[in-house]
C-alpha cells in the first residue's frame, strides 16, 4: 500500500473555494479504487497550508487512477474549479508507506 501526501499552498482568501475543491475529490479518489483519508485545512497557525492524504494498494494502482481520472468528466470539473478560482497556489506530492498497527 502507498499513501499519497499532498501539501498545498492555498490562497487564504479563497479557503471556501479550496474546501469545495476538496469535497469534489474525496469521492473521486474512492470511485477510482483509493481510500481517501481526508483533507486537512488551516485552523491555527499558517493559513496558507492544507494537506490531503489518500491511499492505493500500490503505486501501479495510483497510476491507473491518474490515467483514468484524466478522462472523467467530474474530475475535469474539479480541475477546472481549481484553475478558475485560483485557490491553489502550488502543491507538493509525496508517496509514503503507511504503518497502521504494530504487526
PDB file of N, CA and C in Angstrom:
ATOM      1  N   UNK A   1       0.851  -1.177   0.000  1.00  0.00           N
ATOM      2  CA  UNK A   1       0.000   0.000   0.000  1.00  0.00           C
ATOM      3  C   UNK A   1       0.891   1.232   0.000  1.00  0.00           C
ATOM      4  N   UNK A   2       0.426   2.265  -0.699  1.00  0.00           N
ATOM      5  CA  UNK A   2       1.099   3.558  -0.671  1.00  0.00           C
ATOM      6  C   UNK A   2       0.081   4.635  -0.304  1.00  0.00           C
ATOM      7  N   UNK A   3       0.570   5.644   0.385  1.00  0.00           N
ATOM      8  CA  UNK A   3      -0.277   6.790   0.704  1.00  0.00           C
ATOM      9  C   UNK A   3       0.315   8.011   0.033  1.00  0.00           C
ATOM     10  N   UNK A   4      -0.542   8.704  -0.680  1.00  0.00           N
ATOM     11  CA  UNK A   4      -0.150   9.945  -1.323  1.00  0.00           C
ATOM     12  C   UNK A   4      -0.402  11.080  -0.334  1.00  0.00           C
ATOM     13  N   UNK A   5       0.639  11.846  -0.065  1.00  0.00           N
ATOM     14  CA  UNK A   5       0.579  13.010   0.815  1.00  0.00           C
ATOM     15  C   UNK A   5       0.735  14.227  -0.090  1.00  0.00           C
ATOM     16  N   UNK A   6      -0.261  15.091  -0.077  1.00  0.00           N
ATOM     17  CA  UNK A   6      -0.173  16.315  -0.872  1.00  0.00           C
ATOM     18  C   UNK A   6      -0.223  17.516   0.063  1.00  0.00           C
ATOM     19  N   UNK A   7       0.813  18.332  -0.014  1.00  0.00           N
ATOM     20  CA  UNK A   7       0.860  19.590   0.739  1.00  0.00           C
ATOM     21  C   UNK A   7       0.540  20.709  -0.244  1.00  0.00           C
ATOM     22  N   UNK A   8      -0.541  21.407   0.035  1.00  0.00           N
ATOM     23  CA  UNK A   8      -0.981  22.515  -0.807  1.00  0.00           C
ATOM     24  C   UNK A   8      -0.601  23.845  -0.167  1.00  0.00           C
ATOM     25  N   UNK A   9      -0.191  24.781  -0.983  1.00  0.00           N
ATOM     26  CA  UNK A   9      -0.143  26.185  -0.589  1.00  0.00           C
ATOM     27  C   UNK A   9      -1.378  26.785  -1.251  1.00  0.00           C
ATOM     28  N   UNK A  10      -2.254  27.325  -0.419  1.00  0.00           N
ATOM     29  CA  UNK A  10      -3.525  27.844  -0.928  1.00  0.00           C
ATOM     30  C   UNK A  10      -3.603  29.347  -0.711  1.00  0.00           C
ATOM     31  N   UNK A  11      -4.492  29.974  -1.425  1.00  0.00           N
ATOM     32  CA  UNK A  11      -4.774  31.391  -1.233  1.00  0.00           C
ATOM     33  C   UNK A  11      -5.724  31.492  -0.034  1.00  0.00           C
ATOM     34  N   UNK A  12      -5.277  32.109   1.026  1.00  0.00           N
ATOM     35  CA  UNK A  12      -6.073  32.184   2.259  1.00  0.00           C
ATOM     36  C   UNK A  12      -7.410  32.888   2.040  1.00  0.00           C
ATOM     37  N   UNK A  13      -7.474  33.769   1.074  1.00  0.00           N
ATOM     38  CA  UNK A  13      -8.727  34.462   0.785  1.00  0.00           C
ATOM     39  C   UNK A  13      -9.701  33.606  -0.023  1.00  0.00           C
ATOM     40  N   UNK A  14      -9.237  32.429  -0.452  1.00  0.00           N
ATOM     41  CA  UNK A  14     -10.082  31.552  -1.258  1.00  0.00           C
ATOM     42  C   UNK A  14     -10.260  30.184  -0.586  1.00  0.00           C
ATOM     43  N   UNK A  15     -10.300  30.207   0.739  1.00  0.00           N
ATOM     44  CA  UNK A  15     -10.427  28.964   1.500  1.00  0.00           C
ATOM     45  C   UNK A  15     -11.718  28.227   1.162  1.00  0.00           C
ATOM     46  N   UNK A  16     -12.812  28.955   1.000  1.00  0.00           N
ATOM     47  CA  UNK A  16     -14.081  28.299   0.662  1.00  0.00           C
ATOM     48  C   UNK A  16     -14.014  27.618  -0.708  1.00  0.00           C
ATOM     49  N   UNK A  17     -13.340  28.228  -1.649  1.00  0.00           N
ATOM     50  CA  UNK A  17     -13.184  27.620  -2.976  1.00  0.00           C
ATOM     51  C   UNK A  17     -12.337  26.355  -2.879  1.00  0.00           C
ATOM     52  N   UNK A  18     -11.282  26.397  -2.055  1.00  0.00           N
ATOM     53  CA  UNK A  18     -10.459  25.202  -1.884  1.00  0.00           C
ATOM     54  C   UNK A  18     -11.244  24.102  -1.176  1.00  0.00           C
ATOM     55  N   UNK A  19     -12.040  24.460  -0.186  1.00  0.00           N
ATOM     56  CA  UNK A  19     -12.860  23.465   0.505  1.00  0.00           C
ATOM     57  C   UNK A  19     -13.828  22.793  -0.472  1.00  0.00           C
ATOM     58  N   UNK A  20     -14.413  23.564  -1.378  1.00  0.00           N
ATOM     59  CA  UNK A  20     -15.303  22.986  -2.394  1.00  0.00           C
ATOM     60  C   UNK A  20     -14.522  22.019  -3.284  1.00  0.00           C
ATOM     61  N   UNK A  21     -13.311  22.392  -3.662  1.00  0.00           N
ATOM     62  CA  UNK A  21     -12.439  21.529  -4.468  1.00  0.00           C
ATOM     63  C   UNK A  21     -12.157  20.221  -3.726  1.00  0.00           C
ATOM     64  N   UNK A  22     -11.820  20.326  -2.455  1.00  0.00           N
ATOM     65  CA  UNK A  22     -11.518  19.144  -1.643  1.00  0.00           C
ATOM     66  C   UNK A  22     -12.720  18.203  -1.580  1.00  0.00           C
ATOM     67  N   UNK A  23     -13.883  18.765  -1.372  1.00  0.00           N
ATOM     68  CA  UNK A  23     -15.090  17.939  -1.271  1.00  0.00           C
ATOM     69  C   UNK A  23     -15.422  17.254  -2.591  1.00  0.00           C
ATOM     70  N   UNK A  24     -14.973  17.824  -3.710  1.00  0.00           N
ATOM     71  CA  UNK A  24     -15.164  17.167  -5.001  1.00  0.00           C
ATOM     72  C   UNK A  24     -14.265  15.940  -5.131  1.00  0.00           C
ATOM     73  N   UNK A  25     -13.021  16.035  -4.632  1.00  0.00           N
ATOM     74  CA  UNK A  25     -12.044  14.978  -4.864  1.00  0.00           C
ATOM     75  C   UNK A  25     -12.198  13.771  -3.959  1.00  0.00           C
ATOM     76  N   UNK A  26     -12.707  13.929  -2.769  1.00  0.00           N
ATOM     77  CA  UNK A  26     -12.804  12.780  -1.853  1.00  0.00           C
ATOM     78  C   UNK A  26     -13.571  11.619  -2.491  1.00  0.00           C
ATOM     79  N   UNK A  27     -14.788  11.822  -2.996  1.00  0.00           N
ATOM     80  CA  UNK A  27     -15.485  10.685  -3.612  1.00  0.00           C
ATOM     81  C   UNK A  27     -14.835  10.209  -4.907  1.00  0.00           C
ATOM     82  N   UNK A  28     -14.112  11.075  -5.594  1.00  0.00           N
ATOM     83  CA  UNK A  28     -13.471  10.669  -6.846  1.00  0.00           C
ATOM     84  C   UNK A  28     -12.328   9.697  -6.603  1.00  0.00           C
ATOM     85  N   UNK A  29     -11.516   9.960  -5.600  1.00  0.00           N
ATOM     86  CA  UNK A  29     -10.435   9.026  -5.257  1.00  0.00           C
ATOM     87  C   UNK A  29     -11.037   7.672  -4.896  1.00  0.00           C
ATOM     88  N   UNK A  30     -12.096   7.697  -4.101  1.00  0.00           N
ATOM     89  CA  UNK A  30     -12.757   6.452  -3.707  1.00  0.00           C
ATOM     90  C   UNK A  30     -13.355   5.742  -4.922  1.00  0.00           C
ATOM     91  N   UNK A  31     -13.925   6.505  -5.857  1.00  0.00           N
ATOM     92  CA  UNK A  31     -14.527   5.942  -7.072  1.00  0.00           C
ATOM     93  C   UNK A  31     -13.496   5.158  -7.895  1.00  0.00           C
ATOM     94  N   UNK A  32     -12.264   5.630  -7.888  1.00  0.00           N
ATOM     95  CA  UNK A  32     -11.219   5.008  -8.687  1.00  0.00           C
ATOM     96  C   UNK A  32     -10.384   3.998  -7.896  1.00  0.00           C
ATOM     97  N   UNK A  33     -10.910   3.529  -6.764  1.00  0.00           N
ATOM     98  CA  UNK A  33     -10.264   2.431  -6.045  1.00  0.00           C
ATOM     99  C   UNK A  33      -9.353   2.812  -4.902  1.00  0.00           C
ATOM    100  N   UNK A  34      -9.249   4.090  -4.615  1.00  0.00           N
ATOM    101  CA  UNK A  34      -8.419   4.520  -3.500  1.00  0.00           C
ATOM    102  C   UNK A  34      -9.236   4.654  -2.232  1.00  0.00           C
ATOM    103  N   UNK A  35      -8.540   4.969  -1.163  1.00  0.00           N
ATOM    104  CA  UNK A  35      -9.184   5.280   0.111  1.00  0.00           C
ATOM    105  C   UNK A  35      -8.729   6.677   0.510  1.00  0.00           C
ATOM    106  N   UNK A  36      -9.666   7.608   0.533  1.00  0.00           N
ATOM    107  CA  UNK A  36      -9.318   8.982   0.901  1.00  0.00           C
ATOM    108  C   UNK A  36      -9.378   9.117   2.409  1.00  0.00           C
ATOM    109  N   UNK A  37      -8.323   9.690   2.980  1.00  0.00           N
ATOM    110  CA  UNK A  37      -8.240   9.893   4.432  1.00  0.00           C
ATOM    111  C   UNK A  37      -8.609  11.318   4.825  1.00  0.00           C
ATOM    112  N   UNK A  38      -8.936  12.126   3.840  1.00  0.00           N
ATOM    113  CA  UNK A  38      -9.414  13.471   4.116  1.00  0.00           C
ATOM    114  C   UNK A  38      -8.461  14.573   3.703  1.00  0.00           C
ATOM    115  N   UNK A  39      -9.015  15.757   3.696  1.00  0.00           N
ATOM    116  CA  UNK A  39      -8.260  16.990   3.518  1.00  0.00           C
ATOM    117  C   UNK A  39      -8.186  17.649   4.886  1.00  0.00           C
ATOM    118  N   UNK A  40      -7.102  18.324   5.134  1.00  0.00           N
ATOM    119  CA  UNK A  40      -6.889  19.000   6.404  1.00  0.00           C
ATOM    120  C   UNK A  40      -6.602  20.461   6.093  1.00  0.00           C
ATOM    121  N   UNK A  41      -7.550  21.315   6.484  1.00  0.00           N
ATOM    122  CA  UNK A  41      -7.488  22.733   6.137  1.00  0.00           C
ATOM    123  C   UNK A  41      -6.917  23.538   7.289  1.00  0.00           C
ATOM    124  N   UNK A  42      -6.416  24.727   6.999  1.00  0.00           N
ATOM    125  CA  UNK A  42      -5.844  25.564   8.058  1.00  0.00           C
ATOM    126  C   UNK A  42      -6.853  25.855   9.161  1.00  0.00           C
ATOM    127  N   UNK A  43      -6.368  25.831  10.377  1.00  0.00           N
ATOM    128  CA  UNK A  43      -7.212  26.172  11.522  1.00  0.00           C
ATOM    129  C   UNK A  43      -6.457  27.135  12.435  1.00  0.00           C
ATOM    130  N   UNK A  44      -5.354  26.700  12.964  1.00  0.00           N
ATOM    131  CA  UNK A  44      -4.462  27.561  13.753  1.00  0.00           C
ATOM    132  C   UNK A  44      -3.094  27.501  13.099  1.00  0.00           C
ATOM    133  N   UNK A  45      -2.347  28.555  13.191  1.00  0.00           N
ATOM    134  CA  UNK A  45      -1.023  28.570  12.573  1.00  0.00           C
ATOM    135  C   UNK A  45      -1.100  29.105  11.155  1.00  0.00           C
ATOM    136  N   UNK A  46      -0.272  28.548  10.293  1.00  0.00           N
ATOM    137  CA  UNK A  46      -0.212  29.015   8.901  1.00  0.00           C
ATOM    138  C   UNK A  46      -1.583  28.888   8.249  1.00  0.00           C
ATOM    139  N   UNK A  47      -2.025  29.964   7.613  1.00  0.00           N
ATOM    140  CA  UNK A  47      -3.357  29.943   6.996  1.00  0.00           C
ATOM    141  C   UNK A  47      -3.302  29.669   5.495  1.00  0.00           C
ATOM    142  N   UNK A  48      -2.139  29.265   5.013  1.00  0.00           N
ATOM    143  CA  UNK A  48      -1.991  29.001   3.588  1.00  0.00           C
ATOM    144  C   UNK A  48      -1.579  27.560   3.285  1.00  0.00           C
ATOM    145  N   UNK A  49      -1.580  26.692   4.302  1.00  0.00           N
ATOM    146  CA  UNK A  49      -1.156  25.305   4.104  1.00  0.00           C
ATOM    147  C   UNK A  49      -2.328  24.360   4.359  1.00  0.00           C
ATOM    148  N   UNK A  50      -2.576  23.479   3.395  1.00  0.00           N
ATOM    149  CA  UNK A  50      -3.578  22.429   3.527  1.00  0.00           C
ATOM    150  C   UNK A  50      -2.926  21.115   3.112  1.00  0.00           C
ATOM    151  N   UNK A  51      -3.489  20.007   3.584  1.00  0.00           N
ATOM    152  CA  UNK A  51      -2.915  18.690   3.319  1.00  0.00           C
ATOM    153  C   UNK A  51      -4.029  17.733   2.900  1.00  0.00           C
ATOM    154  N   UNK A  52      -3.706  16.814   2.004  1.00  0.00           N
ATOM    155  CA  UNK A  52      -4.607  15.716   1.644  1.00  0.00           C
ATOM    156  C   UNK A  52      -3.834  14.412   1.768  1.00  0.00           C
ATOM    157  N   UNK A  53      -4.521  13.364   2.204  1.00  0.00           N
ATOM    158  CA  UNK A  53      -3.934  12.028   2.311  1.00  0.00           C
ATOM    159  C   UNK A  53      -4.898  11.020   1.717  1.00  0.00           C
ATOM    160  N   UNK A  54      -4.399  10.167   0.826  1.00  0.00           N
ATOM    161  CA  UNK A  54      -5.207   9.071   0.315  1.00  0.00           C
ATOM    162  C   UNK A  54      -4.297   7.918  -0.066  1.00  0.00           C
ATOM    163  N   UNK A  55      -4.850   6.709   0.002  1.00  0.00           N
ATOM    164  CA  UNK A  55      -4.055   5.505  -0.231  1.00  0.00           C
ATOM    165  C   UNK A  55      -4.596   4.689  -1.392  1.00  0.00           C
ATOM    166  N   UNK A  56      -3.667   3.967  -2.034  1.00  0.00           N
ATOM    167  CA  UNK A  56      -3.977   2.979  -3.053  1.00  0.00           C
ATOM    168  C   UNK A  56      -3.198   1.717  -2.724  1.00  0.00           C
ATOM    169  N   UNK A  57      -3.649   0.597  -3.263  1.00  0.00           N
ATOM    170  CA  UNK A  57      -2.988  -0.679  -2.981  1.00  0.00           C
ATOM    171  C   UNK A  57      -1.534  -0.691  -3.419  1.00  0.00           C
ATOM    172  N   UNK A  58      -1.230   0.067  -4.472  1.00  0.00           N
ATOM    173  CA  UNK A  58       0.143   0.094  -4.998  1.00  0.00           C
ATOM    174  C   UNK A  58       0.343   1.377  -5.804  1.00  0.00           C
ATOM    175  N   UNK A  59       1.589   1.648  -6.138  1.00  0.00           N
ATOM    176  CA  UNK A  59       1.873   2.791  -6.998  1.00  0.00           C
ATOM    177  C   UNK A  59       1.267   2.562  -8.384  1.00  0.00           C
ATOM    178  N   UNK A  60       1.251   1.316  -8.838  1.00  0.00           N
ATOM    179  CA  UNK A  60       0.628   0.997 -10.134  1.00  0.00           C
ATOM    180  C   UNK A  60      -0.866   1.321 -10.115  1.00  0.00           C
ATOM    181  N   UNK A  61      -1.551   1.000  -9.017  1.00  0.00           N
ATOM    182  CA  UNK A  61      -2.974   1.319  -8.890  1.00  0.00           C
ATOM    183  C   UNK A  61      -3.187   2.829  -8.890  1.00  0.00           C
ATOM    184  N   UNK A  62      -2.288   3.561  -8.257  1.00  0.00           N
ATOM    185  CA  UNK A  62      -2.368   5.024  -8.264  1.00  0.00           C
ATOM    186  C   UNK A  62      -2.206   5.556  -9.688  1.00  0.00           C
ATOM    187  N   UNK A  63      -1.259   4.996 -10.434  1.00  0.00           N
ATOM    188  CA  UNK A  63      -1.023   5.443 -11.810  1.00  0.00           C
ATOM    189  C   UNK A  63      -2.241   5.176 -12.695  1.00  0.00           C
ATOM    190  N   UNK A  64      -2.933   4.061 -12.467  1.00  0.00           N
ATOM    191  CA  UNK A  64      -4.163   3.774 -13.211  1.00  0.00           C
ATOM    192  C   UNK A  64      -5.221   4.832 -12.883  1.00  0.00           C
ATOM    193  N   UNK A  65      -5.348   5.156 -11.602  1.00  0.00           N
ATOM    194  CA  UNK A  65      -6.283   6.217 -11.181  1.00  0.00           C
ATOM    195  C   UNK A  65      -5.949   7.530 -11.890  1.00  0.00           C
ATOM    196  N   UNK A  66      -4.680   7.897 -11.923  1.00  0.00           N
ATOM    197  CA  UNK A  66      -4.279   9.158 -12.565  1.00  0.00           C
ATOM    198  C   UNK A  66      -4.670   9.157 -14.045  1.00  0.00           C
ATOM    199  N   UNK A  67      -4.408   8.056 -14.721  1.00  0.00           N
ATOM    200  CA  UNK A  67      -4.719   7.972 -16.150  1.00  0.00           C
ATOM    201  C   UNK A  67      -6.227   8.012 -16.386  1.00  0.00           C
ATOM    202  N   UNK A  68      -6.976   7.230 -15.620  1.00  0.00           N
ATOM    203  CA  UNK A  68      -8.429   7.175 -15.811  1.00  0.00           C
ATOM    204  C   UNK A  68      -9.111   8.478 -15.403  1.00  0.00           C
ATOM    205  N   UNK A  69      -8.578   9.153 -14.407  1.00  0.00           N
ATOM    206  CA  UNK A  69      -9.200  10.401 -13.953  1.00  0.00           C
ATOM    207  C   UNK A  69      -9.100  11.503 -15.003  1.00  0.00           C
ATOM    208  N   UNK A  70      -8.109  11.410 -15.881  1.00  0.00           N
ATOM    209  CA  UNK A  70      -7.949  12.423 -16.932  1.00  0.00           C
ATOM    210  C   UNK A  70      -9.123  12.415 -17.916  1.00  0.00           C
ATOM    211  N   UNK A  71      -9.793  11.276 -18.032  1.00  0.00           N
ATOM    212  CA  UNK A  71     -10.919  11.156 -18.970  1.00  0.00           C
ATOM    213  C   UNK A  71     -12.274  11.278 -18.286  1.00  0.00           C
ATOM    214  N   UNK A  72     -12.289  11.482 -16.981  1.00  0.00           N
ATOM    215  CA  UNK A  72     -13.538  11.532 -16.222  1.00  0.00           C
ATOM    216  C   UNK A  72     -14.081  12.962 -16.200  1.00  0.00           C
ATOM    217  N   UNK A  73     -15.335  13.136 -16.555  1.00  0.00           N
ATOM    218  CA  UNK A  73     -15.958  14.461 -16.638  1.00  0.00           C
ATOM    219  C   UNK A  73     -15.985  15.154 -15.274  1.00  0.00           C
ATOM    220  N   UNK A  74     -16.271  14.420 -14.220  1.00  0.00           N
ATOM    221  CA  UNK A  74     -16.342  15.023 -12.886  1.00  0.00           C
ATOM    222  C   UNK A  74     -14.942  15.442 -12.419  1.00  0.00           C
ATOM    223  N   UNK A  75     -13.944  14.633 -12.729  1.00  0.00           N
ATOM    224  CA  UNK A  75     -12.561  15.005 -12.393  1.00  0.00           C
ATOM    225  C   UNK A  75     -12.146  16.265 -13.145  1.00  0.00           C
ATOM    226  N   UNK A  76     -12.506  16.326 -14.412  1.00  0.00           N
ATOM    227  CA  UNK A  76     -12.191  17.517 -15.206  1.00  0.00           C
ATOM    228  C   UNK A  76     -12.857  18.758 -14.622  1.00  0.00           C
ATOM    229  N   UNK A  77     -14.067  18.611 -14.097  1.00  0.00           N
ATOM    230  CA  UNK A  77     -14.766  19.742 -13.468  1.00  0.00           C
ATOM    231  C   UNK A  77     -14.038  20.191 -12.201  1.00  0.00           C
ATOM    232  N   UNK A  78     -13.523  19.240 -11.436  1.00  0.00           N
ATOM    233  CA  UNK A  78     -12.776  19.592 -10.222  1.00  0.00           C
ATOM    234  C   UNK A  78     -11.497  20.347 -10.576  1.00  0.00           C
ATOM    235  N   UNK A  79     -10.771  19.864 -11.589  1.00  0.00           N
ATOM    236  CA  UNK A  79      -9.579  20.582 -12.054  1.00  0.00           C
ATOM    237  C   UNK A  79      -9.937  21.986 -12.517  1.00  0.00           C
ATOM    238  N   UNK A  80     -11.016  22.093 -13.281  1.00  0.00           N
ATOM    239  CA  UNK A  80     -11.435  23.392 -13.803  1.00  0.00           C
ATOM    240  C   UNK A  80     -11.784  24.354 -12.668  1.00  0.00           C
ATOM    241  N   UNK A  81     -12.436  23.833 -11.624  1.00  0.00           N
ATOM    242  CA  UNK A  81     -12.783  24.672 -10.474  1.00  0.00           C
ATOM    243  C   UNK A  81     -11.527  25.281  -9.856  1.00  0.00           C
ATOM    244  N   UNK A  82     -10.507  24.459  -9.660  1.00  0.00           N
ATOM    245  CA  UNK A  82      -9.259  24.965  -9.066  1.00  0.00           C
ATOM    246  C   UNK A  82      -8.607  26.005  -9.965  1.00  0.00           C
ATOM    247  N   UNK A  83      -8.606  25.768 -11.258  1.00  0.00           N
ATOM    248  CA  UNK A  83      -7.999  26.722 -12.182  1.00  0.00           C
ATOM    249  C   UNK A  83      -8.779  28.022 -12.257  1.00  0.00           C
ATOM    250  N   UNK A  84     -10.098  27.915 -12.288  1.00  0.00           N
ATOM    251  CA  UNK A  84     -10.931  29.119 -12.386  1.00  0.00           C
ATOM    252  C   UNK A  84     -10.860  29.968 -11.125  1.00  0.00           C
ATOM    253  N   UNK A  85     -10.866  29.326  -9.962  1.00  0.00           N
ATOM    254  CA  UNK A  85     -10.857  30.080  -8.705  1.00  0.00           C
ATOM    255  C   UNK A  85      -9.454  30.474  -8.262  1.00  0.00           C
ATOM    256  N   UNK A  86      -8.447  29.803  -8.803  1.00  0.00           N
ATOM    257  CA  UNK A  86      -7.045  30.055  -8.418  1.00  0.00           C
ATOM    258  C   UNK A  86      -6.843  29.906  -6.902  1.00  0.00           C
ATOM    259  N   UNK A  87      -7.550  28.928  -6.330  1.00  0.00           N
ATOM    260  CA  UNK A  87      -7.447  28.707  -4.881  1.00  0.00           C
ATOM    261  C   UNK A  87      -6.153  27.988  -4.497  1.00  0.00           C
ATOM    262  N   UNK A  88      -5.537  27.295  -5.451  1.00  0.00           N
ATOM    263  CA  UNK A  88      -4.283  26.580  -5.187  1.00  0.00           C
ATOM    264  C   UNK A  88      -3.136  27.373  -5.789  1.00  0.00           C
ATOM    265  N   UNK A  89      -2.194  27.743  -4.924  1.00  0.00           N
ATOM    266  CA  UNK A  89      -1.013  28.473  -5.384  1.00  0.00           C
ATOM    267  C   UNK A  89       0.028  27.480  -5.904  1.00  0.00           C
ATOM    268  N   UNK A  90       0.252  26.403  -5.135  1.00  0.00           N
ATOM    269  CA  UNK A  90       1.188  25.353  -5.527  1.00  0.00           C
ATOM    270  C   UNK A  90       0.916  24.120  -4.684  1.00  0.00           C
ATOM    271  N   UNK A  91       1.546  23.004  -5.059  1.00  0.00           N
ATOM    272  CA  UNK A  91       1.414  21.795  -4.261  1.00  0.00           C
ATOM    273  C   UNK A  91       2.643  20.913  -4.441  1.00  0.00           C
ATOM    274  N   UNK A  92       2.872  20.059  -3.461  1.00  0.00           N
ATOM    275  CA  UNK A  92       3.944  19.063  -3.493  1.00  0.00           C
ATOM    276  C   UNK A  92       3.320  17.710  -3.213  1.00  0.00           C
ATOM    277  N   UNK A  93       3.678  16.715  -4.006  1.00  0.00           N
ATOM    278  CA  UNK A  93       3.130  15.369  -3.841  1.00  0.00           C
ATOM    279  C   UNK A  93       4.253  14.425  -3.441  1.00  0.00           C
ATOM    280  N   UNK A  94       4.019  13.643  -2.378  1.00  0.00           N
ATOM    281  CA  UNK A  94       4.966  12.629  -1.929  1.00  0.00           C
ATOM    282  C   UNK A  94       4.220  11.325  -1.709  1.00  0.00           C
ATOM    283  N   UNK A  95       4.937  10.225  -1.820  1.00  0.00           N
ATOM    284  CA  UNK A  95       4.345   8.909  -1.590  1.00  0.00           C
ATOM    285  C   UNK A  95       5.033   8.269  -0.393  1.00  0.00           C
ATOM    286  N   UNK A  96       4.224   7.712   0.483  1.00  0.00           N
ATOM    287  CA  UNK A  96       4.732   7.127   1.716  1.00  0.00           C
ATOM    288  C   UNK A  96       4.151   5.740   1.932  1.00  0.00           C
ATOM    289  N   UNK A  97       4.843   4.953   2.697  1.00  0.00           N
ATOM    290  CA  UNK A  97       4.358   3.622   3.073  1.00  0.00           C
ATOM    291  C   UNK A  97       3.764   3.736   4.467  1.00  0.00           C
ATOM    292  N   UNK A  98       2.450   3.548   4.584  1.00  0.00           N
ATOM    293  CA  UNK A  98       1.822   3.710   5.910  1.00  0.00           C
ATOM    294  C   UNK A  98       2.044   2.489   6.806  1.00  0.00           C
ATOM    295  N   UNK A  99       2.048   2.747   8.081  1.00  0.00           N
ATOM    296  CA  UNK A  99       2.055   1.702   9.101  1.00  0.00           C
ATOM    297  C   UNK A  99       0.850   1.983   9.995  1.00  0.00           C
ATOM    298  N   UNK A 100      -0.102   1.061  10.003  1.00  0.00           N
ATOM    299  CA  UNK A 100      -1.345   1.262  10.730  1.00  0.00           C
ATOM    300  C   UNK A 100      -1.414   0.530  12.055  1.00  0.00           C
ATOM    301  N   UNK A 101      -0.565  -0.478  12.256  1.00  0.00           N
ATOM    302  CA  UNK A 101      -0.575  -1.199  13.512  1.00  0.00           C
ATOM    303  C   UNK A 101       0.816  -1.777  13.788  1.00  0.00           C
ATOM    304  N   UNK A 102       0.958  -2.485  14.886  1.00  0.00           N
ATOM    305  CA  UNK A 102       2.272  -2.983  15.317  1.00  0.00           C
ATOM    306  C   UNK A 102       2.735  -4.216  14.548  1.00  0.00           C
ATOM    307  N   UNK A 103       1.876  -4.838  13.748  1.00  0.00           N
ATOM    308  CA  UNK A 103       2.276  -6.069  13.043  1.00  0.00           C
ATOM    309  C   UNK A 103       3.245  -5.813  11.915  1.00  0.00           C
TER     310      UNK A 103
END
